Protein backbone atom coordinates (compact mmCIF):
# COMPACT_ATOMS: atom_id res chain seq x y z
CA UNK A 1 -83.87 -36.93 -40.74
CA UNK A 2 -80.11 -36.48 -40.73
CA UNK A 3 -78.49 -33.10 -40.44
CA UNK A 4 -75.28 -33.09 -42.47
CA UNK A 5 -72.53 -30.54 -42.26
CA UNK A 6 -69.61 -30.71 -44.62
CA UNK A 7 -66.56 -28.61 -45.26
CA UNK A 8 -65.21 -29.45 -48.69
CA UNK A 9 -61.59 -28.64 -49.36
CA UNK A 10 -59.41 -28.63 -52.43
CA UNK A 11 -57.16 -26.21 -54.22
CA UNK A 12 -59.05 -23.57 -56.24
CA UNK A 13 -62.44 -25.23 -55.71
CA UNK A 14 -65.08 -23.62 -53.51
CA UNK A 15 -68.66 -24.55 -52.66
CA UNK A 16 -71.27 -22.84 -54.79
CA UNK A 17 -72.80 -21.58 -51.57
CA UNK A 18 -71.07 -18.52 -50.12
CA UNK A 19 -70.14 -20.22 -46.84
CA UNK A 20 -67.35 -22.79 -46.61
CA UNK A 21 -69.65 -24.96 -44.54
CA UNK A 22 -72.76 -26.50 -46.11
CA UNK A 23 -75.62 -27.54 -43.83
CA UNK A 24 -78.76 -29.46 -44.80
CA UNK A 25 -81.62 -30.30 -42.43
CA UNK A 26 -83.76 -32.59 -44.59
CA UNK A 27 -81.65 -35.56 -45.67
CA UNK A 28 -83.35 -38.86 -44.85
CA UNK A 29 -81.57 -42.10 -44.14
CA UNK A 30 -80.46 -43.66 -47.46
CA UNK A 31 -81.30 -40.51 -49.45
CA UNK A 32 -78.59 -39.11 -51.69
CA UNK A 33 -76.91 -35.97 -50.40
CA UNK A 34 -74.99 -33.98 -53.04
CA UNK A 35 -72.77 -30.91 -52.74
CA UNK A 36 -71.82 -29.07 -55.95
CA UNK A 37 -68.53 -27.15 -56.22
CA UNK A 38 -67.21 -24.79 -58.87
CA UNK A 39 -63.56 -25.26 -59.77
CA UNK A 40 -60.99 -25.07 -62.52
CA UNK A 41 -62.07 -26.23 -65.96
CA UNK A 42 -58.62 -26.08 -67.54
CA UNK A 43 -55.84 -28.63 -67.32
CA UNK A 44 -56.64 -32.23 -66.44
CA UNK A 45 -59.23 -32.22 -63.61
CA UNK A 46 -58.86 -35.99 -63.20
CA UNK A 47 -55.18 -35.65 -62.28
CA UNK A 48 -54.76 -32.05 -61.10
CA UNK A 49 -57.62 -31.81 -58.58
CA UNK A 50 -58.42 -33.88 -55.50
CA UNK A 51 -61.71 -33.46 -53.64
CA UNK A 52 -62.56 -35.21 -50.38
CA UNK A 53 -65.27 -34.45 -47.83
CA UNK A 54 -65.57 -35.88 -44.31
CA UNK A 55 -68.99 -36.62 -42.79
CA UNK A 56 -69.06 -37.21 -39.03
CA UNK A 57 -71.64 -38.59 -36.60
CA UNK A 58 -70.64 -39.25 -32.99
CA UNK A 59 -67.47 -41.41 -33.07
CA UNK A 60 -67.69 -42.32 -36.78
CA UNK A 61 -66.25 -40.35 -39.72
CA UNK A 62 -66.75 -41.29 -43.36
CA UNK A 63 -64.50 -39.70 -45.98
CA UNK A 64 -66.01 -39.48 -49.47
CA UNK A 65 -64.13 -38.73 -52.69
CA UNK A 66 -65.59 -36.09 -54.97
CA UNK A 67 -65.58 -36.24 -58.75
CA UNK A 68 -65.36 -34.01 -61.81
CA UNK A 69 -68.74 -33.51 -63.49
CA UNK A 70 -67.61 -31.49 -66.51
CA UNK A 71 -67.33 -27.80 -67.41
CA UNK A 72 -65.57 -26.84 -64.16
CA UNK A 73 -68.19 -28.54 -61.99
CA UNK A 74 -67.26 -30.93 -59.18
CA UNK A 75 -69.55 -32.92 -56.88
CA UNK A 76 -69.52 -34.96 -53.69
CA UNK A 77 -72.28 -37.52 -53.14
CA UNK A 78 -73.05 -39.29 -49.90
CA UNK A 79 -75.80 -41.66 -48.72
CA UNK A 80 -76.21 -41.59 -44.91
CA UNK A 81 -76.89 -44.97 -43.30
CA UNK A 82 -77.78 -43.63 -39.85
CA UNK A 83 -80.04 -41.01 -38.30
CA UNK A 84 -78.61 -38.13 -36.31
CA UNK A 85 -77.15 -34.65 -36.46
């Protein structure tokens, strides 16, 4: 199992969880890990909002772009290719 910790950051978008840091203990190698965020639904979310999350393990960091999922919902998806914490 891979323990993932992510701090998502973008203007006016916050994780649905109350903490700024999201931790999951049960993500297997090659499983899909998804973090939902609530953000602005007005304007043009494809141009006005940028969402990136960094996942780190030892000396390696992978930065993943998030995306708009409609109705003020944003998501980041990541598929770990290694085991670790």
